[in-house]
Structures are given as C-alpha cells and as structure tokens.
Amino acid sequence: MTRIIVKKLRWQEWNIKHIKKHHVSVTESEDAAKHLIAHKRGYKGRYIVIGRTGKRILAIIVCREKTGQYVVVTARDADKEERRRVYEKEKHRSDSTF
C-alpha cells in the first residue's frame, strides 16, 4: 500500500461546520494528521487517515487534491476496528524497539 504523507489539510466553511457535529476541532484534526498511524482507501477515491491527538484517536476522511495536500470531507472518533488497527501498529512499534 502506498504511504500517505499529509503535508496540508484544506479547510472550507462547510467541512469545519461538519466536523463540529462530531465534536472534533480543526486543531485536533491537524494534530491527528501529523501523528498519522494508519490509513486505508475509502470509496469514491477518498482515504481514511487515522491518527492520535492527545488521548483521542481520530479518523479523518480526505480527498487528495495534489501531492501532500488533502481536502477534509469529515473527521470523527475512530471506530472499534480503526482503534484496533492503531493499537496493533503501536504494539508492533514498541515490540520492535527491544
């Protein structure tokens, strides 16, 4: 799978309002994208980017605009499967350091 590197998230008024409905802020989304742990392809050419912000694990749905730049479709707390993926990756990272 291709590794996604998020250099910039693009925001518009509509997506800022939309993520507020999920109790997620722009700052939290930006932070989670910088601390990207996993990603997977969504539908309609979108990607689900999963990252940490503080103690929260967020899933940010994005569309690629150009290399490194993505338009945010929505952001929400990660679901159970997405959190499990994060825990597995984090466990693997900590196991490999010994």
Foldseek 3Di string as FASTA:
>chain_A
DDDAQAPEEDDDPVQQVQQVVQVDHPVQVVVQSNQWQDKDADPPQWIWTWGDDVPFIKTWIWHDPDRNYTYTPYMHTDDPVSVVSSVVSVVVVVVVVD
